[in-house]
């Protein structure tokens, strides 16, 4: 399958100390991605958050259509990463690695469009390029719908946004296919969840959420949640939502800092530059809703249709850099 992402610089330029972004030109997420690496080849066990090592996996046999869907899911994950470049507003490593910027963008976006619909979540992303799992899932869903209309990345399967909530997991993600339908099942349904720090497309049968705090894996169980939005190929709803993210007008880091300084989210702290002090404030504000989900599945899983064999754990070099900055910053905050 052809890759429609172009190599090049990301939509903002990080200074060497990592935090400031000041580019503000509009861009198309599907034509805007930087260099990538394979997560399982590049990141250590600690960086992946898997202290006991990755579970050994034999190759997973799938049909050629599922291989195609895995490839489309990989493109959507990378495109979301190019928009939400500072990461999630509730992931500890992202908050620390962005000097609090990921949290700040989430706060500004929520104030801009506080409703809980997919449309509002996309508006938050377009305004401030920030959010938690709902915003990541809504953006991924819309980008999958756009990809599904393009030559080379066509989708003839439903695209579904799922909310799943129980004691061990409360999250939102996207799927290509429907596990309730025998045509897809768990082996043929592809999970696209760019919210974990290291995102990797996978089949639902192999999808696991990994908690780096406890080094435990939790299977996704969409049947225990709600299928919030479902888009059938060729439907008017598919076309309408696909148009929502054709262009993003990024908010620069200086704009984020300026607007954050007067935000109620600062709790009277006054203006703080992106860095450890703001990150520490953000980590305290997020409190019990703070996550450390580094992985959405085992990134070393090899899928094969008998003709090709590959992993789908491509991540941007900026994601790798932010993760490493985050671990260093968390160490500093803990020592202090």
C-alpha atoms as a PDB file:
ATOM      1  CA  UNK A   1       0.000   0.000   0.000  1.00  0.00           C
ATOM      2  CA  UNK A   2       1.358   3.411  -0.920  1.00  0.00           C
ATOM      3  CA  UNK A   3       2.245   5.821   1.866  1.00  0.00           C
ATOM      4  CA  UNK A   4       0.549   9.180   1.301  1.00  0.00           C
ATOM      5  CA  UNK A   5       2.516  10.963   4.011  1.00  0.00           C
ATOM      6  CA  UNK A   6       5.368  13.107   2.755  1.00  0.00           C
ATOM      7  CA  UNK A   7       8.709  13.178   4.504  1.00  0.00           C
ATOM      8  CA  UNK A   8       9.774  16.577   5.748  1.00  0.00           C
ATOM      9  CA  UNK A   9       9.815  18.806   8.787  1.00  0.00           C
ATOM     10  CA  UNK A  10       6.857  18.757  11.144  1.00  0.00           C
ATOM     11  CA  UNK A  11       4.480  21.713  11.278  1.00  0.00           C
ATOM     12  CA  UNK A  12       6.363  23.390  14.108  1.00  0.00           C
ATOM     13  CA  UNK A  13      10.069  23.631  14.887  1.00  0.00           C
ATOM     14  CA  UNK A  14      11.311  22.712  18.344  1.00  0.00           C
ATOM     15  CA  UNK A  15      14.166  24.663  19.836  1.00  0.00           C
ATOM     16  CA  UNK A  16      16.965  22.578  21.299  1.00  0.00           C
ATOM     17  CA  UNK A  17      15.561  22.851  24.817  1.00  0.00           C
ATOM     18  CA  UNK A  18      12.423  21.216  23.456  1.00  0.00           C
ATOM     19  CA  UNK A  19       9.448  23.292  24.456  1.00  0.00           C
ATOM     20  CA  UNK A  20       8.792  26.245  22.121  1.00  0.00           C
ATOM     21  CA  UNK A  21       6.718  25.922  18.928  1.00  0.00           C
ATOM     22  CA  UNK A  22       6.032  29.046  16.904  1.00  0.00           C
ATOM     23  CA  UNK A  23       5.067  27.897  13.416  1.00  0.00           C
ATOM     24  CA  UNK A  24       1.523  28.914  12.455  1.00  0.00           C
ATOM     25  CA  UNK A  25       1.026  28.030   8.798  1.00  0.00           C
ATOM     26  CA  UNK A  26      -2.061  25.978   7.949  1.00  0.00           C
ATOM     27  CA  UNK A  27      -1.388  22.384   6.990  1.00  0.00           C
ATOM     28  CA  UNK A  28      -3.095  19.188   5.877  1.00  0.00           C
ATOM     29  CA  UNK A  29      -2.490  16.392   8.423  1.00  0.00           C
ATOM     30  CA  UNK A  30      -2.437  13.730   5.703  1.00  0.00           C
ATOM     31  CA  UNK A  31       0.388  15.453   3.832  1.00  0.00           C
ATOM     32  CA  UNK A  32       2.474  16.453   6.793  1.00  0.00           C
ATOM     33  CA  UNK A  33       4.733  14.069   8.647  1.00  0.00           C
ATOM     34  CA  UNK A  34       8.362  13.969   9.689  1.00  0.00           C
ATOM     35  CA  UNK A  35      10.855  11.089   9.806  1.00  0.00           C
ATOM     36  CA  UNK A  36       9.698   7.875  11.477  1.00  0.00           C
ATOM     37  CA  UNK A  37      11.281   4.862  13.180  1.00  0.00           C
ATOM     38  CA  UNK A  38      10.047   1.476  14.351  1.00  0.00           C
ATOM     39  CA  UNK A  39       9.245   1.722  18.061  1.00  0.00           C
ATOM     40  CA  UNK A  40      10.281  -1.834  18.917  1.00  0.00           C
ATOM     41  CA  UNK A  41      13.678  -1.321  17.251  1.00  0.00           C
ATOM     42  CA  UNK A  42      14.350   2.145  18.684  1.00  0.00           C
ATOM     43  CA  UNK A  43      12.976   2.354  22.213  1.00  0.00           C
ATOM     44  CA  UNK A  44      14.293   0.545  25.269  1.00  0.00           C
ATOM     45  CA  UNK A  45      12.049  -1.425  27.587  1.00  0.00           C
ATOM     46  CA  UNK A  46      11.998   1.444  30.070  1.00  0.00           C
ATOM     47  CA  UNK A  47      11.120   3.918  27.324  1.00  0.00           C
ATOM     48  CA  UNK A  48       8.320   1.653  26.163  1.00  0.00           C
ATOM     49  CA  UNK A  49       7.236   1.350  29.782  1.00  0.00           C
ATOM     50  CA  UNK A  50       7.541  -2.439  29.782  1.00  0.00           C
ATOM     51  CA  UNK A  51       9.871  -3.191  32.664  1.00  0.00           C
ATOM     52  CA  UNK A  52       9.487  -6.980  32.495  1.00  0.00           C
ATOM     53  CA  UNK A  53      10.053  -7.176  28.747  1.00  0.00           C
ATOM     54  CA  UNK A  54       7.669  -7.509  25.829  1.00  0.00           C
ATOM     55  CA  UNK A  55       5.576 -10.689  25.607  1.00  0.00           C
ATOM     56  CA  UNK A  56       6.920 -12.990  22.907  1.00  0.00           C
ATOM     57  CA  UNK A  57       4.611 -13.174  19.912  1.00  0.00           C
ATOM     58  CA  UNK A  58       4.505 -15.466  16.928  1.00  0.00           C
ATOM     59  CA  UNK A  59       3.498 -13.913  13.587  1.00  0.00           C
ATOM     60  CA  UNK A  60      -0.229 -13.164  13.398  1.00  0.00           C
ATOM     61  CA  UNK A  61      -1.867 -14.435  10.216  1.00  0.00           C
ATOM     62  CA  UNK A  62      -4.423 -12.095   8.655  1.00  0.00           C
ATOM     63  CA  UNK A  63      -5.939 -11.667   5.199  1.00  0.00           C
ATOM     64  CA  UNK A  64      -4.766  -9.077   2.689  1.00  0.00           C
ATOM     65  CA  UNK A  65      -7.693  -6.747   3.473  1.00  0.00           C
ATOM     66  CA  UNK A  66      -6.736  -6.639   7.157  1.00  0.00           C
ATOM     67  CA  UNK A  67      -3.114  -5.931   6.195  1.00  0.00           C
ATOM     68  CA  UNK A  68      -4.389  -3.028   4.121  1.00  0.00           C
ATOM     69  CA  UNK A  69      -6.467  -1.729   7.047  1.00  0.00           C
ATOM     70  CA  UNK A  70      -3.474  -1.989   9.387  1.00  0.00           C
ATOM     71  CA  UNK A  71      -1.511   0.168   6.957  1.00  0.00           C
ATOM     72  CA  UNK A  72      -4.286   2.766   6.817  1.00  0.00           C
ATOM     73  CA  UNK A  73      -4.446   2.741  10.617  1.00  0.00           C
ATOM     74  CA  UNK A  74      -0.713   3.380  10.786  1.00  0.00           C
ATOM     75  CA  UNK A  75      -1.114   6.439   8.546  1.00  0.00           C
ATOM     76  CA  UNK A  76      -3.912   7.778  10.748  1.00  0.00           C
ATOM     77  CA  UNK A  77      -1.806   7.335  13.895  1.00  0.00           C
ATOM     78  CA  UNK A  78       1.085   9.246  12.338  1.00  0.00           C
ATOM     79  CA  UNK A  79      -1.213  12.008  11.078  1.00  0.00           C
ATOM     80  CA  UNK A  80      -2.753  12.476  14.529  1.00  0.00           C
ATOM     81  CA  UNK A  81       0.764  12.697  15.950  1.00  0.00           C
ATOM     82  CA  UNK A  82       1.646  15.444  13.494  1.00  0.00           C
ATOM     83  CA  UNK A  83      -1.311  17.487  14.780  1.00  0.00           C
ATOM     84  CA  UNK A  84      -1.070  16.683  18.503  1.00  0.00           C
ATOM     85  CA  UNK A  85       2.681  17.150  18.481  1.00  0.00           C
ATOM     86  CA  UNK A  86       3.012  17.939  22.179  1.00  0.00           C
ATOM     87  CA  UNK A  87       1.142  14.748  23.096  1.00  0.00           C
ATOM     88  CA  UNK A  88      -1.789  14.051  25.387  1.00  0.00           C
ATOM     89  CA  UNK A  89      -3.000  16.379  28.121  1.00  0.00           C
ATOM     90  CA  UNK A  90      -3.346  13.535  30.637  1.00  0.00           C
ATOM     91  CA  UNK A  91      -0.278  11.363  29.954  1.00  0.00           C
ATOM     92  CA  UNK A  92       2.458  11.953  32.544  1.00  0.00           C
ATOM     93  CA  UNK A  93       5.335  11.469  30.087  1.00  0.00           C
ATOM     94  CA  UNK A  94       3.798  13.804  27.497  1.00  0.00           C
ATOM     95  CA  UNK A  95       3.089  16.552  30.038  1.00  0.00           C
ATOM     96  CA  UNK A  96       6.636  16.373  31.373  1.00  0.00           C
ATOM     97  CA  UNK A  97       8.214  16.004  27.937  1.00  0.00           C
ATOM     98  CA  UNK A  98       6.399  19.048  26.556  1.00  0.00           C
ATOM     99  CA  UNK A  99       7.046  21.191  29.638  1.00  0.00           C
ATOM    100  CA  UNK A 100       3.316  21.299  30.340  1.00  0.00           C
ATOM    101  CA  UNK A 101       2.357  22.309  26.793  1.00  0.00           C
ATOM    102  CA  UNK A 102       0.231  19.231  26.082  1.00  0.00           C
ATOM    103  CA  UNK A 103      -1.856  19.959  29.194  1.00  0.00           C
ATOM    104  CA  UNK A 104      -2.109  23.669  28.339  1.00  0.00           C
ATOM    105  CA  UNK A 105      -3.392  22.917  24.833  1.00  0.00           C
ATOM    106  CA  UNK A 106      -5.951  20.510  26.238  1.00  0.00           C
ATOM    107  CA  UNK A 107      -7.172  23.143  28.732  1.00  0.00           C
ATOM    108  CA  UNK A 108      -7.504  25.845  26.075  1.00  0.00           C
ATOM    109  CA  UNK A 109      -9.266  23.492  23.684  1.00  0.00           C
ATOM    110  CA  UNK A 110     -11.802  22.380  26.280  1.00  0.00           C
ATOM    111  CA  UNK A 111     -12.625  25.979  27.145  1.00  0.00           C
ATOM    112  CA  UNK A 112     -13.096  26.740  23.438  1.00  0.00           C
ATOM    113  CA  UNK A 113     -15.484  23.831  22.751  1.00  0.00           C
ATOM    114  CA  UNK A 114     -16.626  22.222  26.014  1.00  0.00           C
ATOM    115  CA  UNK A 115     -19.250  19.839  24.636  1.00  0.00           C
ATOM    116  CA  UNK A 116     -18.817  16.067  24.443  1.00  0.00           C
ATOM    117  CA  UNK A 117     -19.664  15.383  20.798  1.00  0.00           C
ATOM    118  CA  UNK A 118     -17.214  14.216  18.152  1.00  0.00           C
ATOM    119  CA  UNK A 119     -17.682  17.518  16.324  1.00  0.00           C
ATOM    120  CA  UNK A 120     -16.789  19.511  19.467  1.00  0.00           C
ATOM    121  CA  UNK A 121     -13.747  17.329  20.137  1.00  0.00           C
ATOM    122  CA  UNK A 122     -12.486  17.970  16.605  1.00  0.00           C
ATOM    123  CA  UNK A 123     -13.064  21.695  17.091  1.00  0.00           C
ATOM    124  CA  UNK A 124     -10.868  21.544  20.199  1.00  0.00           C
ATOM    125  CA  UNK A 125      -8.135  19.865  18.189  1.00  0.00           C
ATOM    126  CA  UNK A 126      -8.376  22.363  15.342  1.00  0.00           C
ATOM    127  CA  UNK A 127      -8.263  25.286  17.779  1.00  0.00           C
ATOM    128  CA  UNK A 128      -5.479  24.229  20.152  1.00  0.00           C
ATOM    129  CA  UNK A 129      -4.059  20.907  18.886  1.00  0.00           C
ATOM    130  CA  UNK A 130      -4.521  19.330  22.286  1.00  0.00           C
ATOM    131  CA  UNK A 131      -6.645  16.838  24.150  1.00  0.00           C
ATOM    132  CA  UNK A 132      -6.979  13.504  25.882  1.00  0.00           C
ATOM    133  CA  UNK A 133      -8.200  10.178  24.504  1.00  0.00           C
ATOM    134  CA  UNK A 134     -11.573  11.517  23.201  1.00  0.00           C
ATOM    135  CA  UNK A 135      -9.887  14.176  21.071  1.00  0.00           C
ATOM    136  CA  UNK A 136      -7.263  11.717  19.786  1.00  0.00           C
ATOM    137  CA  UNK A 137      -9.984   9.196  18.908  1.00  0.00           C
ATOM    138  CA  UNK A 138     -12.232  11.734  17.176  1.00  0.00           C
ATOM    139  CA  UNK A 139      -9.363  13.101  15.109  1.00  0.00           C
ATOM    140  CA  UNK A 140      -8.251   9.553  14.212  1.00  0.00           C
ATOM    141  CA  UNK A 141     -11.802   8.669  13.166  1.00  0.00           C
ATOM    142  CA  UNK A 142     -12.140  11.721  10.922  1.00  0.00           C
ATOM    143  CA  UNK A 143      -8.730  11.106   9.348  1.00  0.00           C
ATOM    144  CA  UNK A 144      -9.633   7.460   8.687  1.00  0.00           C
ATOM    145  CA  UNK A 145     -12.748   8.686   6.892  1.00  0.00           C
ATOM    146  CA  UNK A 146     -10.609  10.999   4.758  1.00  0.00           C
ATOM    147  CA  UNK A 147      -8.086   8.270   4.016  1.00  0.00           C
ATOM    148  CA  UNK A 148     -10.923   5.900   3.180  1.00  0.00           C
ATOM    149  CA  UNK A 149     -11.928   8.092   0.246  1.00  0.00           C
ATOM    150  CA  UNK A 150      -8.406   8.357  -1.231  1.00  0.00           C
ATOM    151  CA  UNK A 151      -6.938   6.123  -3.957  1.00  0.00           C
ATOM    152  CA  UNK A 152      -4.603   3.567  -2.402  1.00  0.00           C
ATOM    153  CA  UNK A 153      -6.098   3.882   1.083  1.00  0.00           C
ATOM    154  CA  UNK A 154      -9.740   3.125   0.296  1.00  0.00           C
ATOM    155  CA  UNK A 155     -11.848   1.613   3.058  1.00  0.00           C
ATOM    156  CA  UNK A 156     -14.810  -0.646   2.380  1.00  0.00           C
ATOM    157  CA  UNK A 157     -15.399  -1.326   6.050  1.00  0.00           C
ATOM    158  CA  UNK A 158     -17.237   0.680   8.705  1.00  0.00           C
ATOM    159  CA  UNK A 159     -15.237   3.111  10.834  1.00  0.00           C
ATOM    160  CA  UNK A 160     -16.394   3.202  14.450  1.00  0.00           C
ATOM    161  CA  UNK A 161     -15.537   5.389  17.438  1.00  0.00           C
ATOM    162  CA  UNK A 162     -15.793   3.423  20.672  1.00  0.00           C
ATOM    163  CA  UNK A 163     -16.067   4.478  24.307  1.00  0.00           C
ATOM    164  CA  UNK A 164     -15.057   1.745  26.719  1.00  0.00           C
ATOM    165  CA  UNK A 165     -15.383   2.048  30.464  1.00  0.00           C
ATOM    166  CA  UNK A 166     -14.818  -0.344  33.352  1.00  0.00           C
ATOM    167  CA  UNK A 167     -12.702  -0.555  36.483  1.00  0.00           C
ATOM    168  CA  UNK A 168      -9.413  -1.218  34.688  1.00  0.00           C
ATOM    169  CA  UNK A 169      -9.901   0.934  31.593  1.00  0.00           C
ATOM    170  CA  UNK A 170     -11.780   4.051  30.561  1.00  0.00           C
ATOM    171  CA  UNK A 171     -10.833   5.208  27.095  1.00  0.00           C
ATOM    172  CA  UNK A 172     -11.994   6.114  23.612  1.00  0.00           C
ATOM    173  CA  UNK A 173     -10.517   4.852  20.351  1.00  0.00           C
ATOM    174  CA  UNK A 174     -11.333   4.127  16.698  1.00  0.00           C
ATOM    175  CA  UNK A 175     -11.807   0.871  14.816  1.00  0.00           C
ATOM    176  CA  UNK A 176     -11.871  -0.180  11.171  1.00  0.00           C
ATOM    177  CA  UNK A 177     -14.401  -3.003  10.904  1.00  0.00           C
ATOM    178  CA  UNK A 178     -16.945  -4.282  13.414  1.00  0.00           C
ATOM    179  CA  UNK A 179     -16.136  -7.172  15.786  1.00  0.00           C
ATOM    180  CA  UNK A 180     -19.859  -7.937  16.155  1.00  0.00           C
ATOM    181  CA  UNK A 181     -20.048  -8.896  12.477  1.00  0.00           C
ATOM    182  CA  UNK A 182     -18.580 -12.278  11.435  1.00  0.00           C
ATOM    183  CA  UNK A 183     -17.077 -10.715   8.299  1.00  0.00           C
ATOM    184  CA  UNK A 184     -14.660  -8.833  10.553  1.00  0.00           C
ATOM    185  CA  UNK A 185     -14.590 -10.394  13.990  1.00  0.00           C
ATOM    186  CA  UNK A 186     -11.747  -9.591  16.404  1.00  0.00           C
ATOM    187  CA  UNK A 187      -9.082 -10.923  14.019  1.00  0.00           C
ATOM    188  CA  UNK A 188     -10.234  -8.684  11.156  1.00  0.00           C
ATOM    189  CA  UNK A 189     -11.129  -5.513  13.101  1.00  0.00           C
ATOM    190  CA  UNK A 190      -8.271  -3.013  13.316  1.00  0.00           C
ATOM    191  CA  UNK A 191      -7.812  -0.757  16.366  1.00  0.00           C
ATOM    192  CA  UNK A 192      -6.487   2.765  15.747  1.00  0.00           C
ATOM    193  CA  UNK A 193      -5.668   4.430  19.058  1.00  0.00           C
ATOM    194  CA  UNK A 194      -3.126   7.291  18.884  1.00  0.00           C
ATOM    195  CA  UNK A 195      -3.659   8.305  22.540  1.00  0.00           C
ATOM    196  CA  UNK A 196      -0.981   6.040  24.129  1.00  0.00           C
ATOM    197  CA  UNK A 197       2.452   7.624  24.078  1.00  0.00           C
ATOM    198  CA  UNK A 198       3.613   4.951  21.611  1.00  0.00           C
ATOM    199  CA  UNK A 199       0.780   4.222  19.185  1.00  0.00           C
ATOM    200  CA  UNK A 200       0.681   1.098  17.008  1.00  0.00           C
ATOM    201  CA  UNK A 201      -2.122  -0.136  14.768  1.00  0.00           C
ATOM    202  CA  UNK A 202      -3.230  -3.668  15.619  1.00  0.00           C
ATOM    203  CA  UNK A 203      -6.052  -6.120  15.221  1.00  0.00           C
ATOM    204  CA  UNK A 204      -8.557  -6.136  18.056  1.00  0.00           C
ATOM    205  CA  UNK A 205      -7.506  -9.699  18.868  1.00  0.00           C
ATOM    206  CA  UNK A 206      -3.978  -8.429  19.679  1.00  0.00           C
ATOM    207  CA  UNK A 207      -4.870  -4.987  21.104  1.00  0.00           C
ATOM    208  CA  UNK A 208      -3.756  -4.355  24.671  1.00  0.00           C
ATOM    209  CA  UNK A 209      -3.524  -1.182  26.738  1.00  0.00           C
ATOM    210  CA  UNK A 210      -0.293  -1.176  28.718  1.00  0.00           C
ATOM    211  CA  UNK A 211      -0.078   0.657  32.043  1.00  0.00           C
ATOM    212  CA  UNK A 212       3.564   1.628  32.574  1.00  0.00           C
ATOM    213  CA  UNK A 213       2.898   2.377  36.251  1.00  0.00           C
ATOM    214  CA  UNK A 214       2.022  -1.227  37.043  1.00  0.00           C
ATOM    215  CA  UNK A 215       3.558  -3.004  34.025  1.00  0.00           C
ATOM    216  CA  UNK A 216       0.233  -4.688  33.259  1.00  0.00           C
ATOM    217  CA  UNK A 217      -1.586  -5.353  29.989  1.00  0.00           C
ATOM    218  CA  UNK A 218      -5.357  -4.937  29.663  1.00  0.00           C
ATOM    219  CA  UNK A 219      -7.262  -6.193  26.589  1.00  0.00           C
ATOM    220  CA  UNK A 220      -9.602  -3.825  24.785  1.00  0.00           C
ATOM    221  CA  UNK A 221     -13.225  -4.954  25.193  1.00  0.00           C
ATOM    222  CA  UNK A 222     -15.431  -2.750  23.004  1.00  0.00           C
ATOM    223  CA  UNK A 223     -18.469  -4.963  23.673  1.00  0.00           C
ATOM    224  CA  UNK A 224     -18.309  -3.668  27.267  1.00  0.00           C
ATOM    225  CA  UNK A 225     -18.534  -0.075  26.060  1.00  0.00           C
ATOM    226  CA  UNK A 226     -20.537   1.968  23.575  1.00  0.00           C
ATOM    227  CA  UNK A 227     -20.197   2.327  19.831  1.00  0.00           C
ATOM    228  CA  UNK A 228     -20.547   6.106  19.964  1.00  0.00           C
ATOM    229  CA  UNK A 229     -20.210   6.972  16.266  1.00  0.00           C
ATOM    230  CA  UNK A 230     -20.426   4.533  13.359  1.00  0.00           C
ATOM    231  CA  UNK A 231     -19.779   5.485   9.726  1.00  0.00           C
ATOM    232  CA  UNK A 232     -20.781   3.221   6.851  1.00  0.00           C
ATOM    233  CA  UNK A 233     -18.847   3.415   3.554  1.00  0.00           C
ATOM    234  CA  UNK A 234     -20.583   5.670   1.046  1.00  0.00           C
ATOM    235  CA  UNK A 235     -22.841   7.321   3.637  1.00  0.00           C
ATOM    236  CA  UNK A 236     -23.451  11.060   3.806  1.00  0.00           C
ATOM    237  CA  UNK A 237     -22.234  11.038   7.430  1.00  0.00           C
ATOM    238  CA  UNK A 238     -18.901   9.582   6.246  1.00  0.00           C
ATOM    239  CA  UNK A 239     -18.463  12.353   3.675  1.00  0.00           C
ATOM    240  CA  UNK A 240     -19.531  15.114   6.059  1.00  0.00           C
ATOM    241  CA  UNK A 241     -17.158  14.135   8.863  1.00  0.00           C
ATOM    242  CA  UNK A 242     -14.263  13.449   6.473  1.00  0.00           C
ATOM    243  CA  UNK A 243     -14.308  17.129   5.537  1.00  0.00           C
ATOM    244  CA  UNK A 244     -13.845  18.291   9.140  1.00  0.00           C
ATOM    245  CA  UNK A 245     -10.041  18.046   9.202  1.00  0.00           C
ATOM    246  CA  UNK A 246      -8.846  19.002   5.742  1.00  0.00           C
ATOM    247  CA  UNK A 247      -6.815  21.886   7.152  1.00  0.00           C
ATOM    248  CA  UNK A 248      -5.453  22.682  10.601  1.00  0.00           C
ATOM    249  CA  UNK A 249      -4.500  26.225  11.624  1.00  0.00           C
ATOM    250  CA  UNK A 250      -1.957  25.629  14.402  1.00  0.00           C
ATOM    251  CA  UNK A 251      -1.816  27.743  17.526  1.00  0.00           C
ATOM    252  CA  UNK A 252       1.805  28.659  18.231  1.00  0.00           C
ATOM    253  CA  UNK A 253       3.493  27.972  21.562  1.00  0.00           C
ATOM    254  CA  UNK A 254       3.729  31.692  22.283  1.00  0.00           C
ATOM    255  CA  UNK A 255      -0.033  32.008  21.747  1.00  0.00           C
ATOM    256  CA  UNK A 256      -0.642  29.048  24.055  1.00  0.00           C
ATOM    257  CA  UNK A 257       1.472  30.621  26.790  1.00  0.00           C
ATOM    258  CA  UNK A 258      -0.234  33.981  26.399  1.00  0.00           C
ATOM    259  CA  UNK A 259      -3.735  32.536  26.637  1.00  0.00           C
ATOM    260  CA  UNK A 260      -2.821  30.130  29.427  1.00  0.00           C
ATOM    261  CA  UNK A 261      -1.530  32.958  31.642  1.00  0.00           C
ATOM    262  CA  UNK A 262      -5.081  34.278  32.092  1.00  0.00           C
ATOM    263  CA  UNK A 263      -6.755  30.877  32.249  1.00  0.00           C
ATOM    264  CA  UNK A 264      -8.505  29.569  35.360  1.00  0.00           C
ATOM    265  CA  UNK A 265      -6.459  26.393  34.881  1.00  0.00           C
ATOM    266  CA  UNK A 266      -3.480  28.207  36.388  1.00  0.00           C
ATOM    267  CA  UNK A 267      -5.325  28.565  39.732  1.00  0.00           C
ATOM    268  CA  UNK A 268      -3.826  32.006  40.261  1.00  0.00           C
ATOM    269  CA  UNK A 269      -0.243  30.868  39.698  1.00  0.00           C
ATOM    270  CA  UNK A 270       0.330  33.542  37.080  1.00  0.00           C
ATOM    271  CA  UNK A 271       2.274  33.043  33.846  1.00  0.00           C
ATOM    272  CA  UNK A 272       4.798  30.209  33.668  1.00  0.00           C
ATOM    273  CA  UNK A 273       7.069  29.351  30.758  1.00  0.00           C
ATOM    274  CA  UNK A 274       6.997  25.822  29.352  1.00  0.00           C
ATOM    275  CA  UNK A 275       9.325  23.746  31.499  1.00  0.00           C
ATOM    276  CA  UNK A 276       9.517  21.732  34.694  1.00  0.00           C
ATOM    277  CA  UNK A 277       7.648  24.250  36.855  1.00  0.00           C
ATOM    278  CA  UNK A 278       4.617  24.357  34.554  1.00  0.00           C
ATOM    279  CA  UNK A 279       4.771  20.576  34.066  1.00  0.00           C
ATOM    280  CA  UNK A 280       4.742  20.069  37.830  1.00  0.00           C
ATOM    281  CA  UNK A 281       1.723  22.375  38.147  1.00  0.00           C
ATOM    282  CA  UNK A 282      -0.075  20.474  35.353  1.00  0.00           C
ATOM    283  CA  UNK A 283       0.676  17.076  36.897  1.00  0.00           C
ATOM    284  CA  UNK A 284      -0.844  18.246  40.179  1.00  0.00           C
ATOM    285  CA  UNK A 285      -3.933  19.675  38.478  1.00  0.00           C
ATOM    286  CA  UNK A 286      -4.582  16.501  36.500  1.00  0.00           C
ATOM    287  CA  UNK A 287      -4.181  14.472  39.701  1.00  0.00           C
ATOM    288  CA  UNK A 288      -6.070  11.176  39.735  1.00  0.00           C
ATOM    289  CA  UNK A 289      -6.856  11.440  36.015  1.00  0.00           C
ATOM    290  CA  UNK A 290      -3.145  11.224  35.157  1.00  0.00           C
ATOM    291  CA  UNK A 291      -2.142   8.247  32.985  1.00  0.00           C
ATOM    292  CA  UNK A 292       1.080   6.571  31.933  1.00  0.00           C
ATOM    293  CA  UNK A 293      -0.095   4.405  29.031  1.00  0.00           C
ATOM    294  CA  UNK A 294       2.993   4.103  26.867  1.00  0.00           C
ATOM    295  CA  UNK A 295       1.689   1.402  24.509  1.00  0.00           C
ATOM    296  CA  UNK A 296      -1.599   0.457  22.855  1.00  0.00           C
ATOM    297  CA  UNK A 297      -0.337  -2.991  21.876  1.00  0.00           C
ATOM    298  CA  UNK A 298       2.890  -4.959  21.647  1.00  0.00           C
ATOM    299  CA  UNK A 299       4.764  -2.971  18.951  1.00  0.00           C
ATOM    300  CA  UNK A 300       6.858  -5.955  17.898  1.00  0.00           C
ATOM    301  CA  UNK A 301       3.873  -7.982  16.630  1.00  0.00           C
ATOM    302  CA  UNK A 302       4.466  -9.118  13.057  1.00  0.00           C
ATOM    303  CA  UNK A 303       1.402  -9.458  10.845  1.00  0.00           C
ATOM    304  CA  UNK A 304       1.480 -11.511   7.679  1.00  0.00           C
ATOM    305  CA  UNK A 305      -0.944 -12.345   4.885  1.00  0.00           C
ATOM    306  CA  UNK A 306       1.416 -14.918   3.363  1.00  0.00           C
ATOM    307  CA  UNK A 307       2.796 -12.361   0.921  1.00  0.00           C
ATOM    308  CA  UNK A 308       4.063  -9.621   3.236  1.00  0.00           C
ATOM    309  CA  UNK A 309       5.160  -9.565   6.868  1.00  0.00           C
ATOM    310  CA  UNK A 310       5.527  -6.338   8.833  1.00  0.00           C
ATOM    311  CA  UNK A 311       4.963  -4.465  12.071  1.00  0.00           C
ATOM    312  CA  UNK A 312       2.807  -1.334  12.301  1.00  0.00           C
ATOM    313  CA  UNK A 313       4.574   0.497  15.118  1.00  0.00           C
ATOM    314  CA  UNK A 314       6.016   3.424  13.142  1.00  0.00           C
ATOM    315  CA  UNK A 315       6.385   6.528  15.331  1.00  0.00           C
ATOM    316  CA  UNK A 316       7.834   9.936  14.560  1.00  0.00           C
ATOM    317  CA  UNK A 317      11.306  10.857  15.734  1.00  0.00           C
ATOM    318  CA  UNK A 318       9.677  13.788  17.566  1.00  0.00           C
ATOM    319  CA  UNK A 319       7.540  11.330  19.559  1.00  0.00           C
ATOM    320  CA  UNK A 320      10.714   9.489  20.539  1.00  0.00           C
ATOM    321  CA  UNK A 321      12.399  12.752  21.544  1.00  0.00           C
ATOM    322  CA  UNK A 322       9.381  13.909  23.583  1.00  0.00           C
ATOM    323  CA  UNK A 323       9.182  10.556  25.381  1.00  0.00           C
ATOM    324  CA  UNK A 324      12.869  10.715  26.317  1.00  0.00           C
ATOM    325  CA  UNK A 325      12.558  14.343  27.440  1.00  0.00           C
ATOM    326  CA  UNK A 326       9.575  13.317  29.532  1.00  0.00           C
ATOM    327  CA  UNK A 327      11.394  10.536  31.329  1.00  0.00           C
ATOM    328  CA  UNK A 328      14.294  12.863  32.104  1.00  0.00           C
ATOM    329  CA  UNK A 329      11.913  15.565  33.349  1.00  0.00           C
ATOM    330  CA  UNK A 330       9.975  13.123  35.542  1.00  0.00           C
ATOM    331  CA  UNK A 331      13.267  11.984  37.077  1.00  0.00           C
ATOM    332  CA  UNK A 332      14.191  15.612  37.804  1.00  0.00           C
ATOM    333  CA  UNK A 333      10.805  16.368  39.365  1.00  0.00           C
ATOM    334  CA  UNK A 334      10.964  13.245  41.500  1.00  0.00           C
ATOM    335  CA  UNK A 335      14.486  14.063  42.700  1.00  0.00           C
ATOM    336  CA  UNK A 336      13.445  17.611  43.540  1.00  0.00           C
END
